[in-house]
Amino acid sequence: MDNEFNTPEETQRLGNTSSSGSTGSGWDNSDRVYATDTPGGKRLKELASKKADNVRQKISTYTRDVAQRVDSSREPVADSLHSTAAMVEERGNQVAEAARSVAGRLHTGAEYIRSNDLNAIVDDASDSVKRYPVYALGLAAVVGFLIGRLVQRS
């Protein structure tokens, strides 16, 4: 078979009237089939142009769809970031308030120790034990447990 076209009319229409110079692969070695000044070359050019337009159209549609998806997800992402920022800020405020409270108590304790001698501190501690015996027992248990753990590690 000299060319890929089934009928002589198709061969004639594409401008390949000669079977000489055939490579055996079904295509003429001459550039006449590909030249744009022949009917076959014009047809190939039109087909390539249509295919290129089709590819451009598909790429444009795909790009537009992706852009719409990204654009539609912006609002939920922004809302999520906003709520997370508010939560972090609230937690930060809670931690800061707890830190201020602890710092205030430490300052009060430091001033108490600075302004009282050892006898006054012991008297105040014994008064507190008499007023709050349950808390004193709990505190003694915790202190005893901590001392036991320190001794056991040594």
N, C-alpha and C. Protein backbone atom coordinates (compact mmCIF):
# COMPACT_ATOMS: atom_id res chain seq x y z
N MET A 1 0.84 -1.16 0.00
CA MET A 1 0.00 0.00 0.00
C MET A 1 0.89 1.23 0.00
N ASP A 2 0.71 2.13 -0.95
CA ASP A 2 1.59 3.27 -1.12
C ASP A 2 1.32 4.38 -0.13
N ASN A 3 0.10 4.58 0.29
CA ASN A 3 -0.19 5.64 1.25
C ASN A 3 -1.29 5.18 2.20
N GLU A 4 -1.57 6.01 3.18
CA GLU A 4 -2.53 5.66 4.20
C GLU A 4 -3.96 5.90 3.77
N PHE A 5 -4.17 6.64 2.72
CA PHE A 5 -5.52 6.98 2.28
C PHE A 5 -6.09 5.82 1.50
N ASN A 6 -7.37 5.55 1.74
CA ASN A 6 -8.00 4.38 1.14
C ASN A 6 -8.43 4.60 -0.30
N THR A 7 -8.76 5.81 -0.65
CA THR A 7 -9.28 6.05 -1.99
C THR A 7 -8.37 7.00 -2.75
N PRO A 8 -8.33 6.87 -4.06
CA PRO A 8 -7.55 7.82 -4.87
C PRO A 8 -8.09 9.23 -4.75
N GLU A 9 -9.42 9.37 -4.50
CA GLU A 9 -10.00 10.70 -4.36
C GLU A 9 -9.41 11.42 -3.15
N GLU A 10 -9.24 10.70 -2.04
CA GLU A 10 -8.66 11.32 -0.84
C GLU A 10 -7.21 11.71 -1.10
N THR A 11 -6.50 10.85 -1.81
CA THR A 11 -5.12 11.14 -2.14
C THR A 11 -5.05 12.37 -3.03
N GLN A 12 -5.95 12.44 -4.03
CA GLN A 12 -5.98 13.58 -4.95
C GLN A 12 -6.36 14.86 -4.19
N ARG A 13 -7.32 14.78 -3.27
CA ARG A 13 -7.80 15.94 -2.53
C ARG A 13 -6.70 16.52 -1.65
N LEU A 14 -5.85 15.69 -1.09
CA LEU A 14 -4.77 16.15 -0.24
C LEU A 14 -3.56 16.59 -1.05
N GLY A 15 -3.61 16.43 -2.33
CA GLY A 15 -2.53 16.94 -3.18
C GLY A 15 -1.42 15.94 -3.38
N ASN A 16 -1.62 14.69 -3.08
CA ASN A 16 -0.60 13.67 -3.24
C ASN A 16 -0.99 12.81 -4.43
N THR A 17 -0.68 13.26 -5.60
CA THR A 17 -1.10 12.55 -6.80
C THR A 17 -0.08 11.54 -7.26
N SER A 18 1.09 11.61 -6.73
CA SER A 18 2.16 10.73 -7.18
C SER A 18 2.45 9.71 -6.12
N SER A 19 2.67 8.49 -6.50
CA SER A 19 3.07 7.49 -5.53
C SER A 19 4.57 7.30 -5.55
N SER A 20 5.25 8.03 -6.42
CA SER A 20 6.71 7.92 -6.44
C SER A 20 7.29 8.66 -5.26
N GLY A 21 8.38 8.20 -4.77
CA GLY A 21 9.02 8.81 -3.61
C GLY A 21 8.41 8.34 -2.31
N SER A 22 7.62 7.31 -2.33
CA SER A 22 7.00 6.80 -1.11
C SER A 22 8.05 6.13 -0.25
N THR A 23 7.89 6.29 1.05
CA THR A 23 8.87 5.72 1.97
C THR A 23 8.47 4.35 2.45
N GLY A 24 7.30 3.92 2.09
CA GLY A 24 6.84 2.63 2.57
C GLY A 24 6.06 2.79 3.87
N SER A 25 6.13 3.97 4.46
CA SER A 25 5.42 4.20 5.71
C SER A 25 4.04 4.77 5.44
N GLY A 26 3.72 5.03 4.19
CA GLY A 26 2.42 5.56 3.89
C GLY A 26 2.45 7.05 3.63
N TRP A 27 3.59 7.68 3.73
CA TRP A 27 3.68 9.12 3.51
C TRP A 27 4.68 9.41 2.41
N ASP A 28 4.37 10.38 1.62
CA ASP A 28 5.23 10.79 0.54
C ASP A 28 6.41 11.56 1.12
N ASN A 29 7.61 11.37 0.62
CA ASN A 29 8.79 12.07 1.10
C ASN A 29 8.75 13.56 0.79
N SER A 30 7.98 13.94 -0.22
CA SER A 30 7.97 15.35 -0.60
C SER A 30 7.22 16.15 0.45
N ASP A 31 7.48 17.43 0.50
CA ASP A 31 6.83 18.32 1.47
C ASP A 31 5.49 18.82 0.96
N ARG A 32 5.03 18.30 -0.14
CA ARG A 32 3.78 18.78 -0.72
C ARG A 32 2.60 18.54 0.22
N VAL A 33 2.58 17.44 0.95
CA VAL A 33 1.46 17.15 1.84
C VAL A 33 1.42 18.17 2.97
N TYR A 34 2.57 18.64 3.39
CA TYR A 34 2.64 19.56 4.52
C TYR A 34 2.65 21.02 4.10
N ALA A 35 2.85 21.30 2.87
CA ALA A 35 2.92 22.68 2.41
C ALA A 35 1.53 23.31 2.50
N THR A 36 1.48 24.55 2.95
CA THR A 36 0.18 25.20 3.15
C THR A 36 -0.44 25.67 1.85
N ASP A 37 0.33 25.64 0.76
CA ASP A 37 -0.23 26.10 -0.51
C ASP A 37 -0.92 24.98 -1.27
N THR A 38 -0.96 23.77 -0.73
CA THR A 38 -1.67 22.66 -1.36
C THR A 38 -2.96 22.41 -0.60
N PRO A 39 -3.94 21.80 -1.23
CA PRO A 39 -5.21 21.53 -0.52
C PRO A 39 -5.00 20.65 0.72
N GLY A 40 -4.13 19.66 0.62
CA GLY A 40 -3.86 18.79 1.77
C GLY A 40 -3.17 19.53 2.90
N GLY A 41 -2.25 20.40 2.56
CA GLY A 41 -1.55 21.19 3.56
C GLY A 41 -2.48 22.16 4.26
N LYS A 42 -3.39 22.75 3.48
CA LYS A 42 -4.36 23.67 4.09
C LYS A 42 -5.27 22.92 5.05
N ARG A 43 -5.66 21.71 4.66
CA ARG A 43 -6.53 20.90 5.53
C ARG A 43 -5.80 20.54 6.81
N LEU A 44 -4.53 20.15 6.70
CA LEU A 44 -3.75 19.83 7.90
C LEU A 44 -3.61 21.05 8.80
N LYS A 45 -3.39 22.20 8.17
CA LYS A 45 -3.26 23.44 8.94
C LYS A 45 -4.56 23.76 9.66
N GLU A 46 -5.69 23.58 8.97
CA GLU A 46 -7.00 23.83 9.58
C GLU A 46 -7.23 22.87 10.75
N LEU A 47 -6.92 21.59 10.57
CA LEU A 47 -7.09 20.60 11.64
C LEU A 47 -6.21 20.93 12.84
N ALA A 48 -4.97 21.31 12.57
CA ALA A 48 -4.07 21.66 13.67
C ALA A 48 -4.57 22.90 14.40
N SER A 49 -5.07 23.86 13.63
CA SER A 49 -5.60 25.08 14.24
C SER A 49 -6.82 24.77 15.10
N LYS A 50 -7.71 23.92 14.60
CA LYS A 50 -8.89 23.54 15.38
C LYS A 50 -8.50 22.80 16.65
N LYS A 51 -7.54 21.91 16.54
CA LYS A 51 -7.07 21.17 17.73
C LYS A 51 -6.45 22.12 18.74
N ALA A 52 -5.64 23.05 18.27
CA ALA A 52 -5.00 24.03 19.15
C ALA A 52 -6.07 24.89 19.84
N ASP A 53 -7.09 25.32 19.08
CA ASP A 53 -8.18 26.11 19.67
C ASP A 53 -8.92 25.29 20.72
N ASN A 54 -9.14 24.03 20.42
CA ASN A 54 -9.83 23.14 21.36
C ASN A 54 -9.02 22.99 22.66
N VAL A 55 -7.72 22.81 22.52
CA VAL A 55 -6.85 22.69 23.70
C VAL A 55 -6.85 23.99 24.49
N ARG A 56 -6.75 25.12 23.80
CA ARG A 56 -6.79 26.42 24.48
C ARG A 56 -8.11 26.59 25.24
N GLN A 57 -9.21 26.19 24.62
CA GLN A 57 -10.53 26.31 25.24
C GLN A 57 -10.58 25.44 26.51
N LYS A 58 -10.09 24.21 26.43
CA LYS A 58 -10.11 23.32 27.59
C LYS A 58 -9.23 23.86 28.72
N ILE A 59 -8.07 24.38 28.36
CA ILE A 59 -7.17 24.96 29.38
C ILE A 59 -7.82 26.17 30.02
N SER A 60 -8.46 26.99 29.21
CA SER A 60 -9.14 28.19 29.73
C SER A 60 -10.27 27.80 30.67
N THR A 61 -11.06 26.81 30.29
CA THR A 61 -12.16 26.35 31.13
C THR A 61 -11.63 25.77 32.44
N TYR A 62 -10.61 24.95 32.35
CA TYR A 62 -10.03 24.34 33.55
C TYR A 62 -9.46 25.41 34.48
N THR A 63 -8.75 26.38 33.91
CA THR A 63 -8.17 27.46 34.71
C THR A 63 -9.26 28.27 35.39
N ARG A 64 -10.34 28.55 34.67
CA ARG A 64 -11.45 29.30 35.24
C ARG A 64 -12.11 28.52 36.38
N ASP A 65 -12.28 27.19 36.19
CA ASP A 65 -12.88 26.35 37.24
C ASP A 65 -12.01 26.33 38.49
N VAL A 66 -10.71 26.18 38.31
CA VAL A 66 -9.79 26.15 39.46
C VAL A 66 -9.82 27.50 40.18
N ALA A 67 -9.82 28.58 39.42
CA ALA A 67 -9.86 29.91 40.03
C ALA A 67 -11.15 30.11 40.82
N GLN A 68 -12.27 29.61 40.30
CA GLN A 68 -13.54 29.74 41.02
C GLN A 68 -13.52 28.92 42.30
N ARG A 69 -12.94 27.72 42.26
CA ARG A 69 -12.85 26.89 43.47
C ARG A 69 -11.99 27.56 44.53
N VAL A 70 -10.86 28.09 44.10
CA VAL A 70 -9.97 28.77 45.04
C VAL A 70 -10.66 30.00 45.61
N ASP A 71 -11.33 30.75 44.74
CA ASP A 71 -12.01 31.96 45.17
C ASP A 71 -13.14 31.64 46.15
N SER A 72 -13.86 30.56 45.92
CA SER A 72 -14.96 30.20 46.81
C SER A 72 -14.47 29.68 48.16
N SER A 73 -13.24 29.22 48.24
CA SER A 73 -12.71 28.71 49.51
C SER A 73 -12.04 29.81 50.34
N ARG A 74 -11.87 31.00 49.78
CA ARG A 74 -11.22 32.08 50.53
C ARG A 74 -12.00 32.47 51.77
N GLU A 75 -13.29 32.64 51.66
CA GLU A 75 -14.12 33.11 52.78
C GLU A 75 -14.10 32.13 53.96
N PRO A 76 -14.32 30.82 53.74
CA PRO A 76 -14.25 29.89 54.88
C PRO A 76 -12.87 29.86 55.54
N VAL A 77 -11.82 29.96 54.74
CA VAL A 77 -10.47 29.96 55.30
C VAL A 77 -10.26 31.21 56.15
N ALA A 78 -10.70 32.35 55.65
CA ALA A 78 -10.56 33.60 56.41
C ALA A 78 -11.36 33.54 57.70
N ASP A 79 -12.58 32.99 57.65
CA ASP A 79 -13.40 32.85 58.87
C ASP A 79 -12.71 31.95 59.89
N SER A 80 -12.15 30.86 59.42
CA SER A 80 -11.45 29.93 60.31
C SER A 80 -10.25 30.60 60.97
N LEU A 81 -9.47 31.35 60.19
CA LEU A 81 -8.32 32.06 60.75
C LEU A 81 -8.76 33.10 61.77
N HIS A 82 -9.85 33.79 61.48
CA HIS A 82 -10.36 34.81 62.40
C HIS A 82 -10.79 34.18 63.73
N SER A 83 -11.53 33.08 63.67
CA SER A 83 -11.98 32.44 64.91
C SER A 83 -10.81 31.86 65.70
N THR A 84 -9.80 31.34 65.01
CA THR A 84 -8.62 30.82 65.69
C THR A 84 -7.87 31.95 66.38
N ALA A 85 -7.74 33.08 65.71
CA ALA A 85 -7.05 34.23 66.31
C ALA A 85 -7.80 34.71 67.55
N ALA A 86 -9.12 34.75 67.49
CA ALA A 86 -9.91 35.17 68.65
C ALA A 86 -9.73 34.20 69.81
N MET A 87 -9.70 32.90 69.52
CA MET A 87 -9.53 31.90 70.56
C MET A 87 -8.13 32.03 71.20
N VAL A 88 -7.11 32.21 70.38
CA VAL A 88 -5.75 32.37 70.90
C VAL A 88 -5.66 33.61 71.77
N GLU A 89 -6.29 34.69 71.32
CA GLU A 89 -6.27 35.92 72.08
C GLU A 89 -6.97 35.74 73.44
N GLU A 90 -8.11 35.04 73.44
CA GLU A 90 -8.84 34.80 74.70
C GLU A 90 -8.01 33.93 75.64
N ARG A 91 -7.43 32.87 75.11
CA ARG A 91 -6.60 32.00 75.95
C ARG A 91 -5.38 32.76 76.47
N GLY A 92 -4.81 33.59 75.63
CA GLY A 92 -3.67 34.40 76.05
C GLY A 92 -4.05 35.34 77.18
N ASN A 93 -5.24 35.92 77.08
CA ASN A 93 -5.71 36.81 78.15
C ASN A 93 -5.92 36.04 79.45
N GLN A 94 -6.45 34.81 79.36
CA GLN A 94 -6.65 33.99 80.56
C GLN A 94 -5.32 33.63 81.21
N VAL A 95 -4.34 33.25 80.38
CA VAL A 95 -3.02 32.90 80.90
C VAL A 95 -2.36 34.14 81.52
N ALA A 96 -2.50 35.28 80.86
CA ALA A 96 -1.91 36.51 81.39
C ALA A 96 -2.55 36.88 82.72
N GLU A 97 -3.85 36.72 82.83
CA GLU A 97 -4.54 37.02 84.10
C GLU A 97 -4.07 36.08 85.20
N ALA A 98 -3.93 34.79 84.89
CA ALA A 98 -3.44 33.84 85.89
C ALA A 98 -2.01 34.19 86.31
N ALA A 99 -1.18 34.59 85.35
CA ALA A 99 0.20 34.97 85.67
C ALA A 99 0.22 36.21 86.55
N ARG A 100 -0.64 37.19 86.25
CA ARG A 100 -0.70 38.39 87.10
C ARG A 100 -1.15 38.05 88.52
N SER A 101 -2.09 37.12 88.64
CA SER A 101 -2.57 36.71 89.97
C SER A 101 -1.47 36.04 90.77
N VAL A 102 -0.74 35.13 90.13
CA VAL A 102 0.36 34.44 90.81
C VAL A 102 1.45 35.43 91.19
N ALA A 103 1.77 36.32 90.27
CA ALA A 103 2.81 37.32 90.56
C ALA A 103 2.38 38.21 91.72
N GLY A 104 1.13 38.59 91.76
CA GLY A 104 0.63 39.41 92.87
C GLY A 104 0.76 38.70 94.21
N ARG A 105 0.43 37.42 94.23
CA ARG A 105 0.55 36.65 95.48
C ARG A 105 2.01 36.49 95.89
N LEU A 106 2.89 36.31 94.92
CA LEU A 106 4.31 36.19 95.25
C LEU A 106 4.83 37.52 95.82
N HIS A 107 4.40 38.63 95.25
CA HIS A 107 4.80 39.94 95.79
C HIS A 107 4.29 40.12 97.22
N THR A 108 3.04 39.71 97.45
CA THR A 108 2.47 39.82 98.80
C THR A 108 3.26 38.95 99.78
N GLY A 109 3.60 37.73 99.38
CA GLY A 109 4.39 36.84 100.23
C GLY A 109 5.77 37.41 100.52
N ALA A 110 6.39 37.99 99.52
CA ALA A 110 7.71 38.58 99.71
C ALA A 110 7.64 39.74 100.70
N GLU A 111 6.63 40.57 100.57
CA GLU A 111 6.47 41.70 101.50
C GLU A 111 6.18 41.21 102.92
N TYR A 112 5.40 40.15 103.06
CA TYR A 112 5.10 39.58 104.37
C TYR A 112 6.38 39.08 105.05
N ILE A 113 7.20 38.34 104.29
CA ILE A 113 8.45 37.81 104.86
C ILE A 113 9.40 38.96 105.20
N ARG A 114 9.45 39.96 104.36
CA ARG A 114 10.34 41.09 104.59
C ARG A 114 9.92 41.89 105.84
N SER A 115 8.65 41.99 106.10
CA SER A 115 8.17 42.84 107.20
C SER A 115 7.97 42.09 108.53
N ASN A 116 8.09 40.78 108.57
CA ASN A 116 7.88 39.99 109.80
C ASN A 116 9.12 39.18 110.13
N ASP A 117 9.34 38.99 111.44
CA ASP A 117 10.45 38.14 111.86
C ASP A 117 9.97 36.70 111.98
N LEU A 118 10.88 35.78 112.31
CA LEU A 118 10.57 34.35 112.34
C LEU A 118 9.49 34.03 113.36
N ASN A 119 9.52 34.65 114.56
CA ASN A 119 8.51 34.36 115.60
C ASN A 119 7.12 34.75 115.12
N ALA A 120 6.98 35.88 114.45
CA ALA A 120 5.68 36.33 113.95
C ALA A 120 5.17 35.37 112.86
N ILE A 121 6.07 34.88 112.01
CA ILE A 121 5.67 33.96 110.94
C ILE A 121 5.18 32.65 111.54
N VAL A 122 5.89 32.11 112.56
CA VAL A 122 5.49 30.86 113.21
C VAL A 122 4.14 31.05 113.92
N ASP A 123 3.95 32.18 114.60
CA ASP A 123 2.68 32.45 115.27
C ASP A 123 1.53 32.51 114.26
N ASP A 124 1.74 33.17 113.12
CA ASP A 124 0.70 33.26 112.09
C ASP A 124 0.40 31.88 111.50
N ALA A 125 1.43 31.06 111.30
CA ALA A 125 1.22 29.72 110.75
C ALA A 125 0.41 28.87 111.73
N SER A 126 0.71 28.93 113.02
CA SER A 126 -0.04 28.13 114.00
C SER A 126 -1.49 28.62 114.11
N ASP A 127 -1.72 29.92 113.99
CA ASP A 127 -3.09 30.44 113.99
C ASP A 127 -3.86 29.93 112.77
N SER A 128 -3.21 29.89 111.63
CA SER A 128 -3.86 29.40 110.40
C SER A 128 -4.19 27.92 110.52
N VAL A 129 -3.33 27.14 111.16
CA VAL A 129 -3.59 25.71 111.33
C VAL A 129 -4.79 25.52 112.24
N LYS A 130 -4.91 26.35 113.30
CA LYS A 130 -6.05 26.24 114.21
C LYS A 130 -7.35 26.66 113.53
N ARG A 131 -7.29 27.64 112.67
CA ARG A 131 -8.51 28.12 111.97
C ARG A 131 -8.93 27.19 110.83
N TYR A 132 -7.97 26.61 110.13
CA TYR A 132 -8.25 25.76 108.95
C TYR A 132 -7.53 24.41 109.09
N PRO A 133 -8.01 23.53 110.00
CA PRO A 133 -7.29 22.27 110.23
C PRO A 133 -7.30 21.33 109.01
N VAL A 134 -8.38 21.31 108.24
CA VAL A 134 -8.45 20.40 107.08
C VAL A 134 -7.41 20.81 106.02
N TYR A 135 -7.35 22.11 105.76
CA TYR A 135 -6.35 22.59 104.80
C TYR A 135 -4.93 22.32 105.30
N ALA A 136 -4.72 22.46 106.61
CA ALA A 136 -3.40 22.22 107.19
C ALA A 136 -3.00 20.76 107.03
N LEU A 137 -3.96 19.82 107.25
CA LEU A 137 -3.66 18.39 107.07
C LEU A 137 -3.35 18.08 105.60
N GLY A 138 -4.11 18.66 104.70
CA GLY A 138 -3.86 18.45 103.27
C GLY A 138 -2.50 18.98 102.86
N LEU A 139 -2.16 20.17 103.35
CA LEU A 139 -0.85 20.75 103.06
C LEU A 139 0.26 19.90 103.63
N ALA A 140 0.07 19.40 104.85
CA ALA A 140 1.08 18.53 105.48
C ALA A 140 1.26 17.25 104.67
N ALA A 141 0.16 16.68 104.15
CA ALA A 141 0.25 15.45 103.35
C ALA A 141 1.03 15.70 102.06
N VAL A 142 0.75 16.81 101.40
CA VAL A 142 1.46 17.14 100.14
C VAL A 142 2.93 17.36 100.41
N VAL A 143 3.25 18.11 101.47
CA VAL A 143 4.66 18.38 101.80
C VAL A 143 5.35 17.07 102.16
N GLY A 144 4.69 16.22 102.94
CA GLY A 144 5.28 14.92 103.31
C GLY A 144 5.53 14.05 102.09
N PHE A 145 4.58 14.04 101.15
CA PHE A 145 4.75 13.26 99.92
C PHE A 145 5.95 13.76 99.12
N LEU A 146 6.06 15.09 98.97
CA LEU A 146 7.18 15.66 98.21
C LEU A 146 8.52 15.36 98.88
N ILE A 147 8.59 15.45 100.21
CA ILE A 147 9.84 15.13 100.93
C ILE A 147 10.17 13.66 100.75
N GLY A 148 9.15 12.79 100.82
CA GLY A 148 9.38 11.35 100.60
C GLY A 148 9.92 11.06 99.22
N ARG A 149 9.42 11.72 98.20
CA ARG A 149 9.90 11.52 96.83
C ARG A 149 11.35 12.00 96.68
N LEU A 150 11.69 13.12 97.33
CA LEU A 150 13.06 13.63 97.27
C LEU A 150 14.03 12.69 97.95
N VAL A 151 13.63 12.16 99.11
CA VAL A 151 14.50 11.24 99.84
C VAL A 151 14.65 9.93 99.08
N GLN A 152 13.57 9.45 98.49
CA GLN A 152 13.61 8.18 97.75
C GLN A 152 14.53 8.28 96.53
N ARG A 153 14.63 9.38 95.86
CA ARG A 153 15.50 9.56 94.70
C ARG A 153 16.97 9.64 95.09
N SER A 154 17.24 10.06 96.28
CA SER A 154 18.63 10.25 96.71
C SER A 154 19.32 8.96 97.04
